[in-house]
Amino acid sequence: MTADRPPEKPDSAVVRDALGVGVAVGLSGFAFGVTSAGSGLTVLQTCVLSLLVFTGASQFALVGALAGGGNPFTAAAGAFFLGVRNAFYGLRLSQLLALPRAVRPFAAHWVIDETTAVSLAQPTRRAARIGFTVTGLSLYVLWNLTTLLGALGAEAIGDTDVWGLDAAGPAVFLALLAPMLRTTTERAVAAVAVVLGLGLLPVLPAGVPVLVAALAVPAVLYVEGRRATSATASTQDARPHDTQARTDAPQARPDDAQKEDR
């Protein structure tokens, strides 16, 4: 029974890993603050967006569409669809964390890419809860703080591409995701998603390539299903020959029995 239990992980190690993710990704708030202020939003609007939305991809998609002259309703719709993925994260985390009902509405605000990745990487429920809480708290505080600083000092900071802050979040998330891609199907989905996302990035509006990349899941599953069907059909085609061979063998037994009687 003891051998079946998952290995224990020290709380200090979970806190260290969670803080590392929270600090690294939280710095991306600088880039968002600068981008949002440059797109025409006020400092107050920028800060409220981070406080209430708190999902980086959706926030960047919204301000990016506004900066490009897009319709506010279209920009909001794109940001909404990007945020839908968090609902699926919530379904998985609700079973893993098993938080009290009174806490769930507040914890739902922290269900994002980074907290999900850190939680799923833990071996036990206790470690998952610690990882979720520390990642969510540190990232929420730092993201909103750096958003404010970025919005206030947009002109002083200049081009965020020079700082590379916009790449900090995706880089950390990929580092967390890569060790979890254990099966061939999971690696295939990740590879197809990367090809779709990067390939369509120059030709589609901001935020849309991410939505299209989600098609990698049904595409790979469809191919896997076709392969499984073909393998099953090949197996069934081989069975009649085996059945005929088995039916041929007993037919010789009566003759052998008659020879023995003679």
C-alpha atoms as a PDB file:
ATOM      1  CA  MET A   1       0.000   0.000   0.000  1.00  0.00           C
ATOM      2  CA  THR A   2       2.833   2.375   0.834  1.00  0.00           C
ATOM      3  CA  ALA A   3       4.476   1.807  -2.558  1.00  0.00           C
ATOM      4  CA  ASP A   4       1.323   3.059  -4.322  1.00  0.00           C
ATOM      5  CA  ARG A   5       1.388   6.434  -2.583  1.00  0.00           C
ATOM      6  CA  PRO A   6       2.845   9.363  -4.576  1.00  0.00           C
ATOM      7  CA  PRO A   7       6.227  10.643  -3.374  1.00  0.00           C
ATOM      8  CA  GLU A   8       6.141  13.420  -0.839  1.00  0.00           C
ATOM      9  CA  LYS A   9       7.464  16.881  -1.753  1.00  0.00           C
ATOM     10  CA  PRO A  10       8.615  19.339   0.925  1.00  0.00           C
ATOM     11  CA  ASP A  11       6.383  22.376   1.344  1.00  0.00           C
ATOM     12  CA  SER A  12       9.427  24.623   1.030  1.00  0.00           C
ATOM     13  CA  ALA A  13      10.184  23.188  -2.413  1.00  0.00           C
ATOM     14  CA  VAL A  14       6.607  23.792  -3.570  1.00  0.00           C
ATOM     15  CA  VAL A  15       6.691  27.370  -2.268  1.00  0.00           C
ATOM     16  CA  ARG A  16      10.028  27.999  -3.971  1.00  0.00           C
ATOM     17  CA  ASP A  17       8.797  26.741  -7.340  1.00  0.00           C
ATOM     18  CA  ALA A  18       5.513  28.631  -7.054  1.00  0.00           C
ATOM     19  CA  LEU A  19       7.252  31.879  -6.131  1.00  0.00           C
ATOM     20  CA  GLY A  20       9.630  31.448  -9.055  1.00  0.00           C
ATOM     21  CA  VAL A  21       6.706  31.238 -11.463  1.00  0.00           C
ATOM     22  CA  GLY A  22       4.822  34.097  -9.804  1.00  0.00           C
ATOM     23  CA  VAL A  23       7.782  36.463  -9.888  1.00  0.00           C
ATOM     24  CA  ALA A  24       8.895  35.565 -13.423  1.00  0.00           C
ATOM     25  CA  VAL A  25       5.451  35.887 -14.977  1.00  0.00           C
ATOM     26  CA  GLY A  26       4.448  38.821 -12.791  1.00  0.00           C
ATOM     27  CA  LEU A  27       7.109  40.951 -14.454  1.00  0.00           C
ATOM     28  CA  SER A  28       5.075  40.733 -17.667  1.00  0.00           C
ATOM     29  CA  GLY A  29       2.698  43.213 -16.062  1.00  0.00           C
ATOM     30  CA  PHE A  30       5.190  45.928 -17.070  1.00  0.00           C
ATOM     31  CA  ALA A  31       4.683  45.068 -20.714  1.00  0.00           C
ATOM     32  CA  PHE A  32       0.926  45.013 -20.339  1.00  0.00           C
ATOM     33  CA  GLY A  33       0.852  48.363 -18.543  1.00  0.00           C
ATOM     34  CA  VAL A  34       2.934  49.982 -21.269  1.00  0.00           C
ATOM     35  CA  THR A  35       0.915  48.362 -24.083  1.00  0.00           C
ATOM     36  CA  SER A  36      -2.399  49.287 -22.514  1.00  0.00           C
ATOM     37  CA  ALA A  37      -1.385  52.906 -21.939  1.00  0.00           C
ATOM     38  CA  GLY A  38      -0.083  53.095 -25.494  1.00  0.00           C
ATOM     39  CA  SER A  39      -3.399  51.796 -26.871  1.00  0.00           C
ATOM     40  CA  GLY A  40      -5.291  54.706 -25.358  1.00  0.00           C
ATOM     41  CA  LEU A  41      -6.529  53.299 -22.053  1.00  0.00           C
ATOM     42  CA  THR A  42      -6.087  55.403 -18.947  1.00  0.00           C
ATOM     43  CA  VAL A  43      -4.072  54.315 -15.945  1.00  0.00           C
ATOM     44  CA  LEU A  44      -7.280  53.586 -14.030  1.00  0.00           C
ATOM     45  CA  GLN A  45      -8.751  51.519 -16.873  1.00  0.00           C
ATOM     46  CA  THR A  46      -5.508  49.591 -17.223  1.00  0.00           C
ATOM     47  CA  CYS A  47      -5.351  48.763 -13.515  1.00  0.00           C
ATOM     48  CA  VAL A  48      -9.025  47.786 -13.301  1.00  0.00           C
ATOM     49  CA  LEU A  49      -8.529  45.464 -16.277  1.00  0.00           C
ATOM     50  CA  SER A  50      -5.704  43.661 -14.489  1.00  0.00           C
ATOM     51  CA  LEU A  51      -7.584  43.517 -11.202  1.00  0.00           C
ATOM     52  CA  LEU A  52     -10.814  42.117 -12.615  1.00  0.00           C
ATOM     53  CA  VAL A  53      -9.758  40.128 -15.682  1.00  0.00           C
ATOM     54  CA  PHE A  54      -6.355  38.825 -14.547  1.00  0.00           C
ATOM     55  CA  THR A  55      -5.555  36.597 -17.504  1.00  0.00           C
ATOM     56  CA  GLY A  56      -2.609  37.878 -19.474  1.00  0.00           C
ATOM     57  CA  ALA A  57      -3.432  36.499 -22.915  1.00  0.00           C
ATOM     58  CA  SER A  58      -6.932  37.975 -22.885  1.00  0.00           C
ATOM     59  CA  GLN A  59      -5.672  41.326 -21.636  1.00  0.00           C
ATOM     60  CA  PHE A  60      -2.972  41.558 -24.300  1.00  0.00           C
ATOM     61  CA  ALA A  61      -5.465  40.504 -26.984  1.00  0.00           C
ATOM     62  CA  LEU A  62      -7.891  43.213 -25.896  1.00  0.00           C
ATOM     63  CA  VAL A  63      -5.429  46.104 -25.802  1.00  0.00           C
ATOM     64  CA  GLY A  64      -3.663  44.851 -28.926  1.00  0.00           C
ATOM     65  CA  ALA A  65      -6.911  44.887 -30.892  1.00  0.00           C
ATOM     66  CA  LEU A  66      -7.723  48.358 -29.570  1.00  0.00           C
ATOM     67  CA  ALA A  67      -4.254  49.608 -30.461  1.00  0.00           C
ATOM     68  CA  GLY A  68      -4.750  48.297 -33.984  1.00  0.00           C
ATOM     69  CA  GLY A  69      -7.957  50.290 -34.368  1.00  0.00           C
ATOM     70  CA  GLY A  70     -10.292  47.369 -33.811  1.00  0.00           C
ATOM     71  CA  ASN A  71     -13.891  47.617 -32.645  1.00  0.00           C
ATOM     72  CA  PRO A  72     -14.155  47.499 -28.823  1.00  0.00           C
ATOM     73  CA  PHE A  73     -16.853  44.815 -28.964  1.00  0.00           C
ATOM     74  CA  THR A  74     -14.789  42.676 -31.337  1.00  0.00           C
ATOM     75  CA  ALA A  75     -11.739  43.121 -29.127  1.00  0.00           C
ATOM     76  CA  ALA A  76     -13.753  42.130 -26.049  1.00  0.00           C
ATOM     77  CA  ALA A  77     -15.157  39.076 -27.846  1.00  0.00           C
ATOM     78  CA  GLY A  78     -11.681  37.876 -28.780  1.00  0.00           C
ATOM     79  CA  ALA A  79     -10.476  38.370 -25.217  1.00  0.00           C
ATOM     80  CA  PHE A  80     -13.514  36.469 -23.927  1.00  0.00           C
ATOM     81  CA  PHE A  81     -12.921  33.450 -26.128  1.00  0.00           C
ATOM     82  CA  LEU A  82      -9.279  33.335 -25.093  1.00  0.00           C
ATOM     83  CA  GLY A  83     -10.394  33.319 -21.470  1.00  0.00           C
ATOM     84  CA  VAL A  84     -12.788  30.409 -21.982  1.00  0.00           C
ATOM     85  CA  ARG A  85      -9.887  27.998 -21.565  1.00  0.00           C
ATOM     86  CA  ASN A  86      -9.790  28.901 -17.877  1.00  0.00           C
ATOM     87  CA  ALA A  87     -13.216  27.309 -17.452  1.00  0.00           C
ATOM     88  CA  PHE A  88     -11.757  23.965 -18.557  1.00  0.00           C
ATOM     89  CA  TYR A  89      -8.847  24.464 -16.183  1.00  0.00           C
ATOM     90  CA  GLY A  90     -11.387  25.007 -13.418  1.00  0.00           C
ATOM     91  CA  LEU A  91     -13.087  21.674 -14.094  1.00  0.00           C
ATOM     92  CA  ARG A  92      -9.804  19.853 -13.591  1.00  0.00           C
ATOM     93  CA  LEU A  93      -8.642  21.891 -10.604  1.00  0.00           C
ATOM     94  CA  SER A  94     -11.957  21.530  -8.791  1.00  0.00           C
ATOM     95  CA  GLN A  95     -11.323  17.800  -8.528  1.00  0.00           C
ATOM     96  CA  LEU A  96      -7.640  18.128  -7.755  1.00  0.00           C
ATOM     97  CA  LEU A  97      -7.845  20.839  -5.082  1.00  0.00           C
ATOM     98  CA  ALA A  98     -11.264  19.952  -3.614  1.00  0.00           C
ATOM     99  CA  LEU A  99     -11.560  23.356  -1.946  1.00  0.00           C
ATOM    100  CA  PRO A 100     -14.457  24.251   0.387  1.00  0.00           C
ATOM    101  CA  ARG A 101     -17.483  25.717  -1.376  1.00  0.00           C
ATOM    102  CA  ALA A 102     -17.092  29.076   0.349  1.00  0.00           C
ATOM    103  CA  VAL A 103     -13.564  29.457  -1.047  1.00  0.00           C
ATOM    104  CA  ARG A 104     -14.213  28.346  -4.631  1.00  0.00           C
ATOM    105  CA  PRO A 105     -15.647  31.660  -5.965  1.00  0.00           C
ATOM    106  CA  PHE A 106     -12.527  33.505  -4.796  1.00  0.00           C
ATOM    107  CA  ALA A 107     -10.138  30.794  -5.997  1.00  0.00           C
ATOM    108  CA  ALA A 108     -11.795  30.824  -9.426  1.00  0.00           C
ATOM    109  CA  HIS A 109     -10.301  34.269 -10.063  1.00  0.00           C
ATOM    110  CA  TRP A 110      -6.828  32.727  -9.868  1.00  0.00           C
ATOM    111  CA  VAL A 111      -7.515  29.854 -12.272  1.00  0.00           C
ATOM    112  CA  ILE A 112      -5.082  30.739 -15.064  1.00  0.00           C
ATOM    113  CA  ASP A 113      -2.352  29.022 -17.066  1.00  0.00           C
ATOM    114  CA  GLU A 114       0.397  29.353 -14.470  1.00  0.00           C
ATOM    115  CA  THR A 115      -1.579  28.275 -11.382  1.00  0.00           C
ATOM    116  CA  THR A 116      -2.969  25.308 -13.297  1.00  0.00           C
ATOM    117  CA  ALA A 117       0.463  24.195 -14.487  1.00  0.00           C
ATOM    118  CA  VAL A 118       2.011  24.477 -11.019  1.00  0.00           C
ATOM    119  CA  SER A 119      -0.901  22.654  -9.370  1.00  0.00           C
ATOM    120  CA  LEU A 120      -0.912  19.772 -11.849  1.00  0.00           C
ATOM    121  CA  ALA A 121       2.838  19.325 -11.451  1.00  0.00           C
ATOM    122  CA  GLN A 122       2.495  18.491  -7.732  1.00  0.00           C
ATOM    123  CA  PRO A 123       2.398  14.880  -6.481  1.00  0.00           C
ATOM    124  CA  THR A 124      -0.171  15.336  -3.688  1.00  0.00           C
ATOM    125  CA  ARG A 125      -3.309  17.373  -3.010  1.00  0.00           C
ATOM    126  CA  ARG A 126      -1.621  19.273  -0.198  1.00  0.00           C
ATOM    127  CA  ALA A 127       1.256  20.270  -2.475  1.00  0.00           C
ATOM    128  CA  ALA A 128      -1.201  21.218  -5.234  1.00  0.00           C
ATOM    129  CA  ARG A 129      -3.107  23.505  -2.869  1.00  0.00           C
ATOM    130  CA  ILE A 130       0.087  25.177  -1.690  1.00  0.00           C
ATOM    131  CA  GLY A 131       1.330  25.598  -5.251  1.00  0.00           C
ATOM    132  CA  PHE A 132      -1.990  27.042  -6.405  1.00  0.00           C
ATOM    133  CA  THR A 133      -2.244  29.493  -3.502  1.00  0.00           C
ATOM    134  CA  VAL A 134       1.353  30.743  -3.574  1.00  0.00           C
ATOM    135  CA  THR A 135       1.430  31.052  -7.364  1.00  0.00           C
ATOM    136  CA  GLY A 136      -1.933  32.819  -7.486  1.00  0.00           C
ATOM    137  CA  LEU A 137      -1.180  35.231  -4.653  1.00  0.00           C
ATOM    138  CA  SER A 138       2.347  36.176  -5.735  1.00  0.00           C
ATOM    139  CA  LEU A 139       1.378  36.508  -9.386  1.00  0.00           C
ATOM    140  CA  TYR A 140      -1.773  38.519  -8.661  1.00  0.00           C
ATOM    141  CA  VAL A 141       0.030  41.011  -6.426  1.00  0.00           C
ATOM    142  CA  LEU A 142       3.084  41.412  -8.651  1.00  0.00           C
ATOM    143  CA  TRP A 143       1.105  41.502 -11.907  1.00  0.00           C
ATOM    144  CA  ASN A 144      -1.109  44.321 -10.683  1.00  0.00           C
ATOM    145  CA  LEU A 145       1.806  46.227  -9.161  1.00  0.00           C
ATOM    146  CA  THR A 146       3.891  46.073 -12.330  1.00  0.00           C
ATOM    147  CA  THR A 147       0.822  46.918 -14.414  1.00  0.00           C
ATOM    148  CA  LEU A 148       0.476  50.151 -12.460  1.00  0.00           C
ATOM    149  CA  LEU A 149       4.177  50.945 -12.782  1.00  0.00           C
ATOM    150  CA  GLY A 150       4.152  50.184 -16.482  1.00  0.00           C
ATOM    151  CA  ALA A 151       1.111  52.367 -17.127  1.00  0.00           C
ATOM    152  CA  LEU A 152       2.600  55.255 -15.134  1.00  0.00           C
ATOM    153  CA  GLY A 153       6.040  55.030 -16.716  1.00  0.00           C
ATOM    154  CA  ALA A 154       5.026  54.040 -20.248  1.00  0.00           C
ATOM    155  CA  GLU A 155       7.016  56.849 -21.829  1.00  0.00           C
ATOM    156  CA  ALA A 156      10.120  56.236 -19.723  1.00  0.00           C
ATOM    157  CA  ILE A 157      10.162  52.474 -20.350  1.00  0.00           C
ATOM    158  CA  GLY A 158       9.822  52.813 -24.114  1.00  0.00           C
ATOM    159  CA  ASP A 159       9.610  49.780 -26.369  1.00  0.00           C
ATOM    160  CA  THR A 160       8.815  46.646 -24.349  1.00  0.00           C
ATOM    161  CA  ASP A 161      10.326  44.430 -27.056  1.00  0.00           C
ATOM    162  CA  VAL A 162      13.749  45.709 -26.020  1.00  0.00           C
ATOM    163  CA  TRP A 163      13.174  44.542 -22.455  1.00  0.00           C
ATOM    164  CA  GLY A 164      11.721  41.204 -23.518  1.00  0.00           C
ATOM    165  CA  LEU A 165       9.097  41.326 -20.771  1.00  0.00           C
ATOM    166  CA  ASP A 166       6.348  40.178 -23.120  1.00  0.00           C
ATOM    167  CA  ALA A 167       8.163  36.860 -23.586  1.00  0.00           C
ATOM    168  CA  ALA A 168       8.604  36.083 -19.880  1.00  0.00           C
ATOM    169  CA  GLY A 169       5.134  34.628 -19.351  1.00  0.00           C
ATOM    170  CA  PRO A 170       5.047  32.307 -22.388  1.00  0.00           C
ATOM    171  CA  ALA A 171       8.615  31.141 -21.707  1.00  0.00           C
ATOM    172  CA  VAL A 172       7.832  30.144 -18.124  1.00  0.00           C
ATOM    173  CA  PHE A 173       4.609  28.405 -19.130  1.00  0.00           C
ATOM    174  CA  LEU A 174       6.392  26.396 -21.845  1.00  0.00           C
ATOM    175  CA  ALA A 175       9.042  25.370 -19.316  1.00  0.00           C
ATOM    176  CA  LEU A 176       6.280  24.058 -17.046  1.00  0.00           C
ATOM    177  CA  LEU A 177       4.356  22.388 -19.845  1.00  0.00           C
ATOM    178  CA  ALA A 178       7.218  20.568 -21.591  1.00  0.00           C
ATOM    179  CA  PRO A 179       7.855  17.915 -18.876  1.00  0.00           C
ATOM    180  CA  MET A 180       4.125  17.070 -18.848  1.00  0.00           C
ATOM    181  CA  LEU A 181       4.101  16.032 -22.525  1.00  0.00           C
ATOM    182  CA  ARG A 182       4.738  12.340 -21.927  1.00  0.00           C
ATOM    183  CA  THR A 183       2.741  10.573 -24.662  1.00  0.00           C
ATOM    184  CA  THR A 184       3.113  10.726 -28.430  1.00  0.00           C
ATOM    185  CA  THR A 185      -0.391  12.191 -28.760  1.00  0.00           C
ATOM    186  CA  GLU A 186       0.363  15.029 -26.332  1.00  0.00           C
ATOM    187  CA  ARG A 187       3.590  15.881 -28.148  1.00  0.00           C
ATOM    188  CA  ALA A 188       1.795  15.808 -31.493  1.00  0.00           C
ATOM    189  CA  VAL A 189      -0.896  18.207 -30.227  1.00  0.00           C
ATOM    190  CA  ALA A 190       1.761  20.597 -28.911  1.00  0.00           C
ATOM    191  CA  ALA A 191       3.729  20.484 -32.175  1.00  0.00           C
ATOM    192  CA  VAL A 192       0.673  21.097 -34.370  1.00  0.00           C
ATOM    193  CA  ALA A 193      -0.480  23.935 -32.098  1.00  0.00           C
ATOM    194  CA  VAL A 194       2.919  25.621 -32.347  1.00  0.00           C
ATOM    195  CA  VAL A 195       2.924  25.321 -36.146  1.00  0.00           C
ATOM    196  CA  LEU A 196      -0.584  26.749 -36.414  1.00  0.00           C
ATOM    197  CA  GLY A 197       0.012  29.565 -33.945  1.00  0.00           C
ATOM    198  CA  LEU A 198       3.340  30.727 -35.346  1.00  0.00           C
ATOM    199  CA  GLY A 199       2.411  30.133 -38.961  1.00  0.00           C
ATOM    200  CA  LEU A 200      -0.763  32.201 -38.782  1.00  0.00           C
ATOM    201  CA  LEU A 201       0.661  34.944 -36.577  1.00  0.00           C
ATOM    202  CA  PRO A 202       1.703  37.219 -39.494  1.00  0.00           C
ATOM    203  CA  VAL A 203      -1.617  36.934 -41.359  1.00  0.00           C
ATOM    204  CA  LEU A 204      -4.313  36.924 -38.661  1.00  0.00           C
ATOM    205  CA  PRO A 205      -5.330  39.597 -36.117  1.00  0.00           C
ATOM    206  CA  ALA A 206      -3.893  39.507 -32.625  1.00  0.00           C
ATOM    207  CA  GLY A 207      -5.355  36.738 -30.485  1.00  0.00           C
ATOM    208  CA  VAL A 208      -6.879  34.785 -33.383  1.00  0.00           C
ATOM    209  CA  PRO A 209      -3.866  32.474 -33.989  1.00  0.00           C
ATOM    210  CA  VAL A 210      -4.211  31.204 -30.421  1.00  0.00           C
ATOM    211  CA  LEU A 211      -7.832  30.278 -31.077  1.00  0.00           C
ATOM    212  CA  VAL A 212      -6.926  28.532 -34.329  1.00  0.00           C
ATOM    213  CA  ALA A 213      -4.115  26.647 -32.567  1.00  0.00           C
ATOM    214  CA  ALA A 214      -6.762  25.017 -30.365  1.00  0.00           C
ATOM    215  CA  LEU A 215      -7.850  23.074 -33.464  1.00  0.00           C
ATOM    216  CA  ALA A 216      -4.717  20.977 -32.987  1.00  0.00           C
ATOM    217  CA  VAL A 217      -6.548  18.897 -30.383  1.00  0.00           C
ATOM    218  CA  PRO A 218      -9.458  17.638 -32.561  1.00  0.00           C
ATOM    219  CA  ALA A 219      -7.143  17.313 -35.563  1.00  0.00           C
ATOM    220  CA  VAL A 220      -4.688  15.022 -33.796  1.00  0.00           C
ATOM    221  CA  LEU A 221      -7.460  13.049 -32.102  1.00  0.00           C
ATOM    222  CA  TYR A 222      -9.143  12.556 -35.485  1.00  0.00           C
ATOM    223  CA  VAL A 223      -5.951  11.155 -36.987  1.00  0.00           C
ATOM    224  CA  GLU A 224      -5.432   8.909 -33.966  1.00  0.00           C
ATOM    225  CA  GLY A 225      -9.010   7.674 -34.284  1.00  0.00           C
ATOM    226  CA  ARG A 226      -8.558   6.846 -37.956  1.00  0.00           C
ATOM    227  CA  ARG A 227      -5.405   4.901 -37.173  1.00  0.00           C
ATOM    228  CA  ALA A 228      -7.144   2.962 -34.436  1.00  0.00           C
ATOM    229  CA  THR A 229     -10.056   2.168 -36.767  1.00  0.00           C
ATOM    230  CA  SER A 230      -7.684   0.964 -39.479  1.00  0.00           C
ATOM    231  CA  ALA A 231      -5.823  -1.231 -37.016  1.00  0.00           C
ATOM    232  CA  THR A 232      -9.088  -2.738 -35.772  1.00  0.00           C
ATOM    233  CA  ALA A 233     -10.265  -3.407 -39.329  1.00  0.00           C
ATOM    234  CA  SER A 234      -6.991  -5.128 -40.178  1.00  0.00           C
ATOM    235  CA  THR A 235      -7.338  -7.356 -37.144  1.00  0.00           C
ATOM    236  CA  GLN A 236     -10.894  -8.300 -38.059  1.00  0.00           C
ATOM    237  CA  ASP A 237      -9.881  -9.125 -41.642  1.00  0.00           C
ATOM    238  CA  ALA A 238      -7.326 -11.591 -40.349  1.00  0.00           C
ATOM    239  CA  ARG A 239      -9.785 -13.432 -38.087  1.00  0.00           C
ATOM    240  CA  PRO A 240     -11.802 -15.323 -40.801  1.00  0.00           C
ATOM    241  CA  HIS A 241      -8.640 -17.086 -41.960  1.00  0.00           C
ATOM    242  CA  ASP A 242      -7.934 -18.209 -38.420  1.00  0.00           C
ATOM    243  CA  THR A 243     -11.541 -19.376 -38.027  1.00  0.00           C
ATOM    244  CA  GLN A 244     -11.404 -21.344 -41.283  1.00  0.00           C
ATOM    245  CA  ALA A 245      -8.175 -22.983 -40.201  1.00  0.00           C
ATOM    246  CA  ARG A 246      -9.753 -24.015 -36.907  1.00  0.00           C
ATOM    247  CA  THR A 247     -12.875 -25.409 -38.659  1.00  0.00           C
ATOM    248  CA  ASP A 248     -10.739 -27.405 -41.067  1.00  0.00           C
ATOM    249  CA  ALA A 249      -8.881 -29.193 -38.306  1.00  0.00           C
ATOM    250  CA  PRO A 250     -11.865 -30.957 -36.612  1.00  0.00           C
ATOM    251  CA  GLN A 251     -13.122 -32.321 -39.947  1.00  0.00           C
ATOM    252  CA  ALA A 252     -10.295 -34.819 -40.020  1.00  0.00           C
ATOM    253  CA  ARG A 253     -11.192 -36.289 -36.619  1.00  0.00           C
ATOM    254  CA  PRO A 254     -14.133 -38.546 -37.700  1.00  0.00           C
ATOM    255  CA  ASP A 255     -11.969 -40.262 -40.342  1.00  0.00           C
ATOM    256  CA  ASP A 256      -9.245 -40.840 -37.818  1.00  0.00           C
ATOM    257  CA  ALA A 257     -11.797 -42.308 -35.439  1.00  0.00           C
ATOM    258  CA  GLN A 258     -13.121 -44.702 -38.148  1.00  0.00           C
ATOM    259  CA  LYS A 259      -9.575 -45.873 -38.922  1.00  0.00           C
ATOM    260  CA  GLU A 260      -9.017 -46.645 -35.276  1.00  0.00           C
ATOM    261  CA  ASP A 261     -12.276 -48.692 -35.146  1.00  0.00           C
ATOM    262  CA  ARG A 262     -11.180 -50.764 -38.104  1.00  0.00           C
END
